[in-house]
Amino acid sequence: MKTIILFCFTLICSATFAQQHATSATKCQLPVEEILKAQSFEIDEPIAEKAKYVFFDMYKQLNFIYQLDANDPKRAEHINYFNIALQNANVLDLNISMFQEDIDFVTNLTP
């Protein structure tokens, strides 16, 4: 019984914290909370929740892009998802300047 509970707890923690922050691969090393503080809205406004998920998605896609081999067909898929996350950031009028080096890198990857 203890093993099952420990396994479930580990699984929940893994799912919660997976790819939701900077890794050594990304140029932007700020935690999402710091990125939210750099926005034009207060952190307790409803838009902050939407913005948080956009930033999580940006980090998730960037981590895949940096870690996948250049010839891996999944890399193009993650580049597309990253571009969708950028579009979502633009719709929400988010300050994404801290990701500029990462954006430039991804832009140079696309044909």
PDB file of N, CA and C in Angstrom:
ATOM      1  N   MET A   1       0.820  -1.192   0.000  1.00  0.00           N
ATOM      2  CA  MET A   1       0.000   0.000   0.000  1.00  0.00           C
ATOM      3  C   MET A   1       0.868   1.262   0.000  1.00  0.00           C
ATOM      4  N   LYS A   2       1.922   1.243   0.816  1.00  0.00           N
ATOM      5  CA  LYS A   2       2.820   2.393   0.859  1.00  0.00           C
ATOM      6  C   LYS A   2       3.475   2.627  -0.498  1.00  0.00           C
ATOM      7  N   THR A   3       3.806   1.548  -1.175  1.00  0.00           N
ATOM      8  CA  THR A   3       4.439   1.652  -2.484  1.00  0.00           C
ATOM      9  C   THR A   3       3.503   2.315  -3.486  1.00  0.00           C
ATOM     10  N   ILE A   4       2.248   1.950  -3.455  1.00  0.00           N
ATOM     11  CA  ILE A   4       1.273   2.536  -4.378  1.00  0.00           C
ATOM     12  C   ILE A   4       1.097   4.026  -4.097  1.00  0.00           C
ATOM     13  N   ILE A   5       0.995   4.376  -2.844  1.00  0.00           N
ATOM     14  CA  ILE A   5       0.841   5.788  -2.472  1.00  0.00           C
ATOM     15  C   ILE A   5       2.080   6.579  -2.872  1.00  0.00           C
ATOM     16  N   LEU A   6       3.259   6.036  -2.619  1.00  0.00           N
ATOM     17  CA  LEU A   6       4.497   6.705  -2.994  1.00  0.00           C
ATOM     18  C   LEU A   6       4.592   6.874  -4.507  1.00  0.00           C
ATOM     19  N   PHE A   7       4.211   5.829  -5.245  1.00  0.00           N
ATOM     20  CA  PHE A   7       4.219   5.904  -6.694  1.00  0.00           C
ATOM     21  C   PHE A   7       3.265   6.989  -7.195  1.00  0.00           C
ATOM     22  N   CYS A   8       2.062   7.036  -6.661  1.00  0.00           N
ATOM     23  CA  CYS A   8       1.079   8.054  -7.069  1.00  0.00           C
ATOM     24  C   CYS A   8       1.578   9.456  -6.744  1.00  0.00           C
ATOM     25  N   PHE A   9       2.162   9.626  -5.580  1.00  0.00           N
ATOM     26  CA  PHE A   9       2.698  10.925  -5.194  1.00  0.00           C
ATOM     27  C   PHE A   9       3.816  11.355  -6.144  1.00  0.00           C
ATOM     28  N   THR A  10       4.708  10.440  -6.471  1.00  0.00           N
ATOM     29  CA  THR A  10       5.801  10.737  -7.394  1.00  0.00           C
ATOM     30  C   THR A  10       5.271  11.080  -8.781  1.00  0.00           C
ATOM     31  N   LEU A  11       4.286  10.357  -9.229  1.00  0.00           N
ATOM     32  CA  LEU A  11       3.681  10.609 -10.532  1.00  0.00           C
ATOM     33  C   LEU A  11       3.037  11.987 -10.583  1.00  0.00           C
ATOM     34  N   ILE A  12       2.316  12.343  -9.542  1.00  0.00           N
ATOM     35  CA  ILE A  12       1.670  13.659  -9.486  1.00  0.00           C
ATOM     36  C   ILE A  12       2.717  14.770  -9.467  1.00  0.00           C
ATOM     37  N   CYS A  13       3.743  14.608  -8.673  1.00  0.00           N
ATOM     38  CA  CYS A  13       4.813  15.624  -8.618  1.00  0.00           C
ATOM     39  C   CYS A  13       5.518  15.745  -9.961  1.00  0.00           C
ATOM     40  N   SER A  14       5.758  14.644 -10.610  1.00  0.00           N
ATOM     41  CA  SER A  14       6.429  14.672 -11.911  1.00  0.00           C
ATOM     42  C   SER A  14       5.592  15.405 -12.941  1.00  0.00           C
ATOM     43  N   ALA A  15       4.323  15.115 -12.963  1.00  0.00           N
ATOM     44  CA  ALA A  15       3.431  15.764 -13.930  1.00  0.00           C
ATOM     45  C   ALA A  15       3.290  17.247 -13.636  1.00  0.00           C
ATOM     46  N   THR A  16       3.290  17.598 -12.384  1.00  0.00           N
ATOM     47  CA  THR A  16       3.116  18.992 -12.003  1.00  0.00           C
ATOM     48  C   THR A  16       4.321  19.844 -12.361  1.00  0.00           C
ATOM     49  N   PHE A  17       5.514  19.328 -12.149  1.00  0.00           N
ATOM     50  CA  PHE A  17       6.712  20.126 -12.325  1.00  0.00           C
ATOM     51  C   PHE A  17       7.461  19.872 -13.626  1.00  0.00           C
ATOM     52  N   ALA A  18       7.003  18.953 -14.434  1.00  0.00           N
ATOM     53  CA  ALA A  18       7.701  18.605 -15.667  1.00  0.00           C
ATOM     54  C   ALA A  18       7.647  19.753 -16.672  1.00  0.00           C
ATOM     55  N   GLN A  19       8.796  20.167 -17.160  1.00  0.00           N
ATOM     56  CA  GLN A  19       8.930  21.134 -18.244  1.00  0.00           C
ATOM     57  C   GLN A  19       8.221  22.451 -17.991  1.00  0.00           C
ATOM     58  N   GLN A  20       8.069  22.853 -16.760  1.00  0.00           N
ATOM     59  CA  GLN A  20       7.378  24.097 -16.472  1.00  0.00           C
ATOM     60  C   GLN A  20       8.339  25.169 -15.971  1.00  0.00           C
ATOM     61  N   HIS A  21       9.578  25.022 -16.287  1.00  0.00           N
ATOM     62  CA  HIS A  21      10.570  25.976 -15.831  1.00  0.00           C
ATOM     63  C   HIS A  21      11.768  25.930 -16.771  1.00  0.00           C
ATOM     64  N   ALA A  22      12.644  26.853 -16.566  1.00  0.00           N
ATOM     65  CA  ALA A  22      13.855  26.888 -17.386  1.00  0.00           C
ATOM     66  C   ALA A  22      14.735  25.688 -17.079  1.00  0.00           C
ATOM     67  N   THR A  23      15.440  25.243 -18.097  1.00  0.00           N
ATOM     68  CA  THR A  23      16.476  24.237 -17.901  1.00  0.00           C
ATOM     69  C   THR A  23      17.780  24.863 -18.384  1.00  0.00           C
ATOM     70  N   SER A  24      18.847  24.142 -18.260  1.00  0.00           N
ATOM     71  CA  SER A  24      20.131  24.684 -18.702  1.00  0.00           C
ATOM     72  C   SER A  24      20.156  24.899 -20.213  1.00  0.00           C
ATOM     73  N   ALA A  25      19.214  24.297 -20.928  1.00  0.00           N
ATOM     74  CA  ALA A  25      19.184  24.430 -22.382  1.00  0.00           C
ATOM     75  C   ALA A  25      18.650  25.793 -22.837  1.00  0.00           C
ATOM     76  N   THR A  26      17.728  26.371 -22.084  1.00  0.00           N
ATOM     77  CA  THR A  26      17.108  27.627 -22.517  1.00  0.00           C
ATOM     78  C   THR A  26      17.984  28.822 -22.177  1.00  0.00           C
ATOM     79  N   LYS A  27      17.910  29.837 -23.026  1.00  0.00           N
ATOM     80  CA  LYS A  27      18.658  31.074 -22.763  1.00  0.00           C
ATOM     81  C   LYS A  27      17.999  31.855 -21.632  1.00  0.00           C
ATOM     82  N   CYS A  28      16.675  31.927 -21.642  1.00  0.00           N
ATOM     83  CA  CYS A  28      15.942  32.591 -20.566  1.00  0.00           C
ATOM     84  C   CYS A  28      15.943  31.679 -19.344  1.00  0.00           C
ATOM     85  N   GLN A  29      16.474  32.159 -18.256  1.00  0.00           N
ATOM     86  CA  GLN A  29      16.606  31.350 -17.048  1.00  0.00           C
ATOM     87  C   GLN A  29      15.704  31.833 -15.907  1.00  0.00           C
ATOM     88  N   LEU A  30      14.784  32.734 -16.213  1.00  0.00           N
ATOM     89  CA  LEU A  30      13.906  33.278 -15.180  1.00  0.00           C
ATOM     90  C   LEU A  30      12.810  32.283 -14.812  1.00  0.00           C
ATOM     91  N   PRO A  31      12.478  32.194 -13.532  1.00  0.00           N
ATOM     92  CA  PRO A  31      11.304  31.396 -13.150  1.00  0.00           C
ATOM     93  C   PRO A  31      10.038  32.085 -13.660  1.00  0.00           C
ATOM     94  N   VAL A  32       9.000  31.316 -13.877  1.00  0.00           N
ATOM     95  CA  VAL A  32       7.754  31.854 -14.413  1.00  0.00           C
ATOM     96  C   VAL A  32       7.201  32.962 -13.505  1.00  0.00           C
ATOM     97  N   GLU A  33       7.370  32.829 -12.212  1.00  0.00           N
ATOM     98  CA  GLU A  33       6.879  33.853 -11.289  1.00  0.00           C
ATOM     99  C   GLU A  33       7.558  35.203 -11.548  1.00  0.00           C
ATOM    100  N   GLU A  34       8.855  35.172 -11.852  1.00  0.00           N
ATOM    101  CA  GLU A  34       9.578  36.407 -12.156  1.00  0.00           C
ATOM    102  C   GLU A  34       9.119  36.999 -13.494  1.00  0.00           C
ATOM    103  N   ILE A  35       8.840  36.129 -14.449  1.00  0.00           N
ATOM    104  CA  ILE A  35       8.350  36.597 -15.748  1.00  0.00           C
ATOM    105  C   ILE A  35       6.988  37.256 -15.569  1.00  0.00           C
ATOM    106  N   LEU A  36       6.151  36.668 -14.733  1.00  0.00           N
ATOM    107  CA  LEU A  36       4.837  37.253 -14.475  1.00  0.00           C
ATOM    108  C   LEU A  36       4.952  38.621 -13.808  1.00  0.00           C
ATOM    109  N   LYS A  37       5.943  38.784 -12.961  1.00  0.00           N
ATOM    110  CA  LYS A  37       6.145  40.085 -12.304  1.00  0.00           C
ATOM    111  C   LYS A  37       6.576  41.161 -13.291  1.00  0.00           C
ATOM    112  N   ALA A  38       7.137  40.764 -14.423  1.00  0.00           N
ATOM    113  CA  ALA A  38       7.599  41.715 -15.438  1.00  0.00           C
ATOM    114  C   ALA A  38       6.477  42.129 -16.397  1.00  0.00           C
ATOM    115  N   GLN A  39       5.277  41.631 -16.161  1.00  0.00           N
ATOM    116  CA  GLN A  39       4.160  41.933 -17.053  1.00  0.00           C
ATOM    117  C   GLN A  39       3.479  43.238 -16.634  1.00  0.00           C
ATOM    118  N   SER A  40       2.608  43.728 -17.501  1.00  0.00           N
ATOM    119  CA  SER A  40       1.928  44.999 -17.254  1.00  0.00           C
ATOM    120  C   SER A  40       0.724  44.856 -16.318  1.00  0.00           C
ATOM    121  N   PHE A  41       0.426  43.658 -15.888  1.00  0.00           N
ATOM    122  CA  PHE A  41      -0.713  43.418 -15.000  1.00  0.00           C
ATOM    123  C   PHE A  41      -0.214  42.899 -13.661  1.00  0.00           C
ATOM    124  N   GLU A  42      -1.083  42.961 -12.683  1.00  0.00           N
ATOM    125  CA  GLU A  42      -0.753  42.438 -11.352  1.00  0.00           C
ATOM    126  C   GLU A  42      -0.829  40.913 -11.374  1.00  0.00           C
ATOM    127  N   ILE A  43      -0.052  40.279 -10.545  1.00  0.00           N
ATOM    128  CA  ILE A  43       0.048  38.823 -10.548  1.00  0.00           C
ATOM    129  C   ILE A  43      -1.240  38.144 -10.082  1.00  0.00           C
ATOM    130  N   ASP A  44      -2.131  38.885  -9.403  1.00  0.00           N
ATOM    131  CA  ASP A  44      -3.377  38.283  -8.941  1.00  0.00           C
ATOM    132  C   ASP A  44      -4.561  38.545  -9.877  1.00  0.00           C
ATOM    133  N   GLU A  45      -4.315  39.163 -11.025  1.00  0.00           N
ATOM    134  CA  GLU A  45      -5.375  39.380 -12.005  1.00  0.00           C
ATOM    135  C   GLU A  45      -5.643  38.072 -12.761  1.00  0.00           C
ATOM    136  N   PRO A  46      -6.864  37.899 -13.278  1.00  0.00           N
ATOM    137  CA  PRO A  46      -7.202  36.652 -13.992  1.00  0.00           C
ATOM    138  C   PRO A  46      -6.310  36.360 -15.198  1.00  0.00           C
ATOM    139  N   ILE A  47      -5.836  37.385 -15.871  1.00  0.00           N
ATOM    140  CA  ILE A  47      -4.973  37.165 -17.037  1.00  0.00           C
ATOM    141  C   ILE A  47      -3.654  36.496 -16.644  1.00  0.00           C
ATOM    142  N   ALA A  48      -3.237  36.664 -15.399  1.00  0.00           N
ATOM    143  CA  ALA A  48      -1.972  36.074 -14.946  1.00  0.00           C
ATOM    144  C   ALA A  48      -2.010  34.550 -15.029  1.00  0.00           C
ATOM    145  N   GLU A  49      -3.168  33.966 -14.767  1.00  0.00           N
ATOM    146  CA  GLU A  49      -3.289  32.507 -14.849  1.00  0.00           C
ATOM    147  C   GLU A  49      -3.107  32.035 -16.289  1.00  0.00           C
ATOM    148  N   LYS A  50      -3.715  32.730 -17.235  1.00  0.00           N
ATOM    149  CA  LYS A  50      -3.558  32.382 -18.645  1.00  0.00           C
ATOM    150  C   LYS A  50      -2.107  32.583 -19.077  1.00  0.00           C
ATOM    151  N   ALA A  51      -1.520  33.679 -18.638  1.00  0.00           N
ATOM    152  CA  ALA A  51      -0.139  33.982 -18.998  1.00  0.00           C
ATOM    153  C   ALA A  51       0.816  32.921 -18.455  1.00  0.00           C
ATOM    154  N   LYS A  52       0.550  32.459 -17.252  1.00  0.00           N
ATOM    155  CA  LYS A  52       1.403  31.443 -16.643  1.00  0.00           C
ATOM    156  C   LYS A  52       1.462  30.198 -17.526  1.00  0.00           C
ATOM    157  N   TYR A  53       0.321  29.777 -18.034  1.00  0.00           N
ATOM    158  CA  TYR A  53       0.297  28.582 -18.874  1.00  0.00           C
ATOM    159  C   TYR A  53       0.967  28.823 -20.226  1.00  0.00           C
ATOM    160  N   VAL A  54       0.882  30.036 -20.729  1.00  0.00           N
ATOM    161  CA  VAL A  54       1.592  30.360 -21.978  1.00  0.00           C
ATOM    162  C   VAL A  54       3.095  30.247 -21.747  1.00  0.00           C
ATOM    163  N   PHE A  55       3.579  30.783 -20.628  1.00  0.00           N
ATOM    164  CA  PHE A  55       5.019  30.705 -20.338  1.00  0.00           C
ATOM    165  C   PHE A  55       5.459  29.271 -20.075  1.00  0.00           C
ATOM    166  N   PHE A  56       4.638  28.497 -19.378  1.00  0.00           N
ATOM    167  CA  PHE A  56       4.954  27.076 -19.182  1.00  0.00           C
ATOM    168  C   PHE A  56       5.081  26.377 -20.526  1.00  0.00           C
ATOM    169  N   ASP A  57       4.151  26.671 -21.434  1.00  0.00           N
ATOM    170  CA  ASP A  57       4.179  26.043 -22.749  1.00  0.00           C
ATOM    171  C   ASP A  57       5.410  26.484 -23.539  1.00  0.00           C
ATOM    172  N   MET A  58       5.774  27.750 -23.439  1.00  0.00           N
ATOM    173  CA  MET A  58       6.972  28.226 -24.127  1.00  0.00           C
ATOM    174  C   MET A  58       8.206  27.478 -23.636  1.00  0.00           C
ATOM    175  N   TYR A  59       8.345  27.367 -22.316  1.00  0.00           N
ATOM    176  CA  TYR A  59       9.483  26.630 -21.764  1.00  0.00           C
ATOM    177  C   TYR A  59       9.457  25.168 -22.196  1.00  0.00           C
ATOM    178  N   LYS A  60       8.288  24.572 -22.152  1.00  0.00           N
ATOM    179  CA  LYS A  60       8.176  23.157 -22.536  1.00  0.00           C
ATOM    180  C   LYS A  60       8.649  22.956 -23.969  1.00  0.00           C
ATOM    181  N   GLN A  61       8.167  23.777 -24.877  1.00  0.00           N
ATOM    182  CA  GLN A  61       8.536  23.627 -26.283  1.00  0.00           C
ATOM    183  C   GLN A  61      10.014  23.951 -26.497  1.00  0.00           C
ATOM    184  N   LEU A  62      10.510  24.998 -25.844  1.00  0.00           N
ATOM    185  CA  LEU A  62      11.940  25.337 -25.974  1.00  0.00           C
ATOM    186  C   LEU A  62      12.823  24.200 -25.484  1.00  0.00           C
ATOM    187  N   ASN A  63      12.450  23.595 -24.374  1.00  0.00           N
ATOM    188  CA  ASN A  63      13.250  22.488 -23.852  1.00  0.00           C
ATOM    189  C   ASN A  63      13.313  21.341 -24.850  1.00  0.00           C
ATOM    190  N   PHE A  64      12.181  21.028 -25.484  1.00  0.00           N
ATOM    191  CA  PHE A  64      12.192  19.982 -26.514  1.00  0.00           C
ATOM    192  C   PHE A  64      13.054  20.401 -27.700  1.00  0.00           C
ATOM    193  N   ILE A  65      12.902  21.630 -28.146  1.00  0.00           N
ATOM    194  CA  ILE A  65      13.641  22.107 -29.323  1.00  0.00           C
ATOM    195  C   ILE A  65      15.144  22.025 -29.089  1.00  0.00           C
ATOM    196  N   TYR A  66      15.584  22.483 -27.922  1.00  0.00           N
ATOM    197  CA  TYR A  66      17.021  22.467 -27.635  1.00  0.00           C
ATOM    198  C   TYR A  66      17.555  21.050 -27.448  1.00  0.00           C
ATOM    199  N   GLN A  67      16.744  20.151 -26.926  1.00  0.00           N
ATOM    200  CA  GLN A  67      17.242  18.817 -26.605  1.00  0.00           C
ATOM    201  C   GLN A  67      17.146  17.826 -27.760  1.00  0.00           C
ATOM    202  N   LEU A  68      16.238  18.068 -28.694  1.00  0.00           N
ATOM    203  CA  LEU A  68      16.094  17.135 -29.813  1.00  0.00           C
ATOM    204  C   LEU A  68      17.192  17.356 -30.849  1.00  0.00           C
ATOM    205  N   ASP A  69      17.560  16.289 -31.505  1.00  0.00           N
ATOM    206  CA  ASP A  69      18.542  16.346 -32.577  1.00  0.00           C
ATOM    207  C   ASP A  69      17.993  17.182 -33.732  1.00  0.00           C
ATOM    208  N   ALA A  70      18.878  17.861 -34.435  1.00  0.00           N
ATOM    209  CA  ALA A  70      18.468  18.739 -35.532  1.00  0.00           C
ATOM    210  C   ALA A  70      17.720  17.993 -36.629  1.00  0.00           C
ATOM    211  N   ASN A  71      17.986  16.720 -36.814  1.00  0.00           N
ATOM    212  CA  ASN A  71      17.332  15.936 -37.862  1.00  0.00           C
ATOM    213  C   ASN A  71      16.069  15.230 -37.383  1.00  0.00           C
ATOM    214  N   ASP A  72      15.745  15.365 -36.124  1.00  0.00           N
ATOM    215  CA  ASP A  72      14.564  14.708 -35.570  1.00  0.00           C
ATOM    216  C   ASP A  72      13.301  15.379 -36.106  1.00  0.00           C
ATOM    217  N   PRO A  73      12.402  14.626 -36.732  1.00  0.00           N
ATOM    218  CA  PRO A  73      11.178  15.229 -37.289  1.00  0.00           C
ATOM    219  C   PRO A  73      10.272  15.843 -36.222  1.00  0.00           C
ATOM    220  N   LYS A  74      10.405  15.397 -34.977  1.00  0.00           N
ATOM    221  CA  LYS A  74       9.591  15.964 -33.905  1.00  0.00           C
ATOM    222  C   LYS A  74      10.002  17.401 -33.587  1.00  0.00           C
ATOM    223  N   ARG A  75      11.217  17.753 -33.938  1.00  0.00           N
ATOM    224  CA  ARG A  75      11.700  19.103 -33.656  1.00  0.00           C
ATOM    225  C   ARG A  75      10.859  20.144 -34.391  1.00  0.00           C
ATOM    226  N   ALA A  76      10.520  19.886 -35.646  1.00  0.00           N
ATOM    227  CA  ALA A  76       9.683  20.812 -36.426  1.00  0.00           C
ATOM    228  C   ALA A  76       8.304  20.951 -35.789  1.00  0.00           C
ATOM    229  N   GLU A  77       7.803  19.858 -35.262  1.00  0.00           N
ATOM    230  CA  GLU A  77       6.503  19.884 -34.579  1.00  0.00           C
ATOM    231  C   GLU A  77       6.558  20.802 -33.357  1.00  0.00           C
ATOM    232  N   HIS A  78       7.637  20.695 -32.587  1.00  0.00           N
ATOM    233  CA  HIS A  78       7.777  21.538 -31.393  1.00  0.00           C
ATOM    234  C   HIS A  78       8.027  23.007 -31.766  1.00  0.00           C
ATOM    235  N   ILE A  79       8.679  23.229 -32.883  1.00  0.00           N
ATOM    236  CA  ILE A  79       8.853  24.608 -33.364  1.00  0.00           C
ATOM    237  C   ILE A  79       7.489  25.207 -33.687  1.00  0.00           C
ATOM    238  N   ASN A  80       6.624  24.417 -34.326  1.00  0.00           N
ATOM    239  CA  ASN A  80       5.268  24.895 -34.616  1.00  0.00           C
ATOM    240  C   ASN A  80       4.501  25.191 -33.334  1.00  0.00           C
ATOM    241  N   TYR A  81       4.608  24.311 -32.340  1.00  0.00           N
ATOM    242  CA  TYR A  81       3.932  24.536 -31.060  1.00  0.00           C
ATOM    243  C   TYR A  81       4.491  25.774 -30.356  1.00  0.00           C
ATOM    244  N   PHE A  82       5.796  25.984 -30.478  1.00  0.00           N
ATOM    245  CA  PHE A  82       6.393  27.181 -29.881  1.00  0.00           C
ATOM    246  C   PHE A  82       5.851  28.437 -30.557  1.00  0.00           C
ATOM    247  N   ASN A  83       5.714  28.392 -31.876  1.00  0.00           N
ATOM    248  CA  ASN A  83       5.157  29.537 -32.596  1.00  0.00           C
ATOM    249  C   ASN A  83       3.709  29.801 -32.195  1.00  0.00           C
ATOM    250  N   ILE A  84       2.953  28.756 -31.920  1.00  0.00           N
ATOM    251  CA  ILE A  84       1.584  28.923 -31.426  1.00  0.00           C
ATOM    252  C   ILE A  84       1.607  29.576 -30.050  1.00  0.00           C
ATOM    253  N   ALA A  85       2.537  29.162 -29.203  1.00  0.00           N
ATOM    254  CA  ALA A  85       2.662  29.782 -27.876  1.00  0.00           C
ATOM    255  C   ALA A  85       3.020  31.257 -28.013  1.00  0.00           C
ATOM    256  N   LEU A  86       3.871  31.596 -28.980  1.00  0.00           N
ATOM    257  CA  LEU A  86       4.203  33.005 -29.220  1.00  0.00           C
ATOM    258  C   LEU A  86       2.973  33.786 -29.671  1.00  0.00           C
ATOM    259  N   GLN A  87       2.169  33.180 -30.511  1.00  0.00           N
ATOM    260  CA  GLN A  87       0.929  33.830 -30.945  1.00  0.00           C
ATOM    261  C   GLN A  87      -0.005  34.056 -29.761  1.00  0.00           C
ATOM    262  N   ASN A  88      -0.100  33.073 -28.875  1.00  0.00           N
ATOM    263  CA  ASN A  88      -0.920  33.219 -27.677  1.00  0.00           C
ATOM    264  C   ASN A  88      -0.394  34.336 -26.786  1.00  0.00           C
ATOM    265  N   ALA A  89       0.924  34.451 -26.703  1.00  0.00           N
ATOM    266  CA  ALA A  89       1.528  35.531 -25.919  1.00  0.00           C
ATOM    267  C   ALA A  89       1.199  36.889 -26.536  1.00  0.00           C
ATOM    268  N   ASN A  90       1.209  36.959 -27.852  1.00  0.00           N
ATOM    269  CA  ASN A  90       0.871  38.212 -28.521  1.00  0.00           C
ATOM    270  C   ASN A  90      -0.592  38.574 -28.327  1.00  0.00           C
ATOM    271  N   VAL A  91      -1.467  37.574 -28.360  1.00  0.00           N
ATOM    272  CA  VAL A  91      -2.898  37.822 -28.133  1.00  0.00           C
ATOM    273  C   VAL A  91      -3.120  38.394 -26.740  1.00  0.00           C
ATOM    274  N   LEU A  92      -2.391  37.880 -25.760  1.00  0.00           N
ATOM    275  CA  LEU A  92      -2.519  38.367 -24.387  1.00  0.00           C
ATOM    276  C   LEU A  92      -1.686  39.623 -24.129  1.00  0.00           C
ATOM    277  N   ASP A  93      -0.954  40.071 -25.142  1.00  0.00           N
ATOM    278  CA  ASP A  93      -0.084  41.243 -25.049  1.00  0.00           C
ATOM    279  C   ASP A  93       0.934  41.102 -23.920  1.00  0.00           C
ATOM    280  N   LEU A  94       1.605  39.949 -23.904  1.00  0.00           N
ATOM    281  CA  LEU A  94       2.592  39.654 -22.870  1.00  0.00           C
ATOM    282  C   LEU A  94       3.960  40.190 -23.243  1.00  0.00           C
ATOM    283  N   ASN A  95       4.711  40.561 -22.239  1.00  0.00           N
ATOM    284  CA  ASN A  95       6.096  40.968 -22.416  1.00  0.00           C
ATOM    285  C   ASN A  95       6.938  39.690 -22.496  1.00  0.00           C
ATOM    286  N   ILE A  96       7.446  39.399 -23.683  1.00  0.00           N
ATOM    287  CA  ILE A  96       8.251  38.184 -23.873  1.00  0.00           C
ATOM    288  C   ILE A  96       9.696  38.536 -24.227  1.00  0.00           C
ATOM    289  N   SER A  97      10.104  39.743 -23.907  1.00  0.00           N
ATOM    290  CA  SER A  97      11.454  40.196 -24.253  1.00  0.00           C
ATOM    291  C   SER A  97      12.543  39.327 -23.621  1.00  0.00           C
ATOM    292  N   MET A  98      12.240  38.726 -22.474  1.00  0.00           N
ATOM    293  CA  MET A  98      13.239  37.880 -21.818  1.00  0.00           C
ATOM    294  C   MET A  98      13.507  36.586 -22.588  1.00  0.00           C
ATOM    295  N   PHE A  99      12.654  36.272 -23.553  1.00  0.00           N
ATOM    296  CA  PHE A  99      12.822  35.094 -24.391  1.00  0.00           C
ATOM    297  C   PHE A  99      13.454  35.430 -25.740  1.00  0.00           C
ATOM    298  N   GLN A 100      13.916  36.663 -25.934  1.00  0.00           N
ATOM    299  CA  GLN A 100      14.359  37.102 -27.254  1.00  0.00           C
ATOM    300  C   GLN A 100      15.476  36.234 -27.833  1.00  0.00           C
ATOM    301  N   GLU A 101      16.447  35.858 -27.024  1.00  0.00           N
ATOM    302  CA  GLU A 101      17.529  34.993 -27.534  1.00  0.00           C
ATOM    303  C   GLU A 101      16.991  33.636 -27.977  1.00  0.00           C
ATOM    304  N   ASP A 102      16.048  33.092 -27.217  1.00  0.00           N
ATOM    305  CA  ASP A 102      15.440  31.815 -27.583  1.00  0.00           C
ATOM    306  C   ASP A 102      14.603  31.963 -28.851  1.00  0.00           C
ATOM    307  N   ILE A 103      13.860  33.048 -28.944  1.00  0.00           N
ATOM    308  CA  ILE A 103      13.042  33.297 -30.134  1.00  0.00           C
ATOM    309  C   ILE A 103      13.930  33.424 -31.365  1.00  0.00           C
ATOM    310  N   ASP A 104      15.024  34.166 -31.241  1.00  0.00           N
ATOM    311  CA  ASP A 104      15.967  34.320 -32.359  1.00  0.00           C
ATOM    312  C   ASP A 104      16.536  32.963 -32.775  1.00  0.00           C
ATOM    313  N   PHE A 105      16.881  32.140 -31.798  1.00  0.00           N
ATOM    314  CA  PHE A 105      17.422  30.803 -32.089  1.00  0.00           C
ATOM    315  C   PHE A 105      16.415  29.974 -32.877  1.00  0.00           C
ATOM    316  N   VAL A 106      15.169  29.951 -32.412  1.00  0.00           N
ATOM    317  CA  VAL A 106      14.133  29.153 -33.071  1.00  0.00           C
ATOM    318  C   VAL A 106      13.840  29.712 -34.458  1.00  0.00           C
ATOM    319  N   THR A 107      13.841  31.023 -34.591  1.00  0.00           N
ATOM    320  CA  THR A 107      13.588  31.655 -35.891  1.00  0.00           C
ATOM    321  C   THR A 107      14.652  31.243 -36.906  1.00  0.00           C
ATOM    322  N   ASN A 108      15.875  31.121 -36.455  1.00  0.00           N
ATOM    323  CA  ASN A 108      16.952  30.714 -37.368  1.00  0.00           C
ATOM    324  C   ASN A 108      16.878  29.233 -37.740  1.00  0.00           C
ATOM    325  N   LEU A 109      16.137  28.452 -36.979  1.00  0.00           N
ATOM    326  CA  LEU A 109      15.987  27.031 -37.295  1.00  0.00           C
ATOM    327  C   LEU A 109      14.967  26.789 -38.400  1.00  0.00           C
ATOM    328  N   THR A 110      13.983  27.659 -38.475  1.00  0.00           N
ATOM    329  CA  THR A 110      12.913  27.439 -39.449  1.00  0.00           C
ATOM    330  C   THR A 110      13.393  27.820 -40.834  1.00  0.00           C
ATOM    331  N   PRO A 111      13.006  27.031 -41.843  1.00  0.00           N
ATOM    332  CA  PRO A 111      13.481  27.305 -43.224  1.00  0.00           C
ATOM    333  C   PRO A 111      12.860  28.559 -43.817  1.00  0.00           C
TER     334      PRO A 111
END
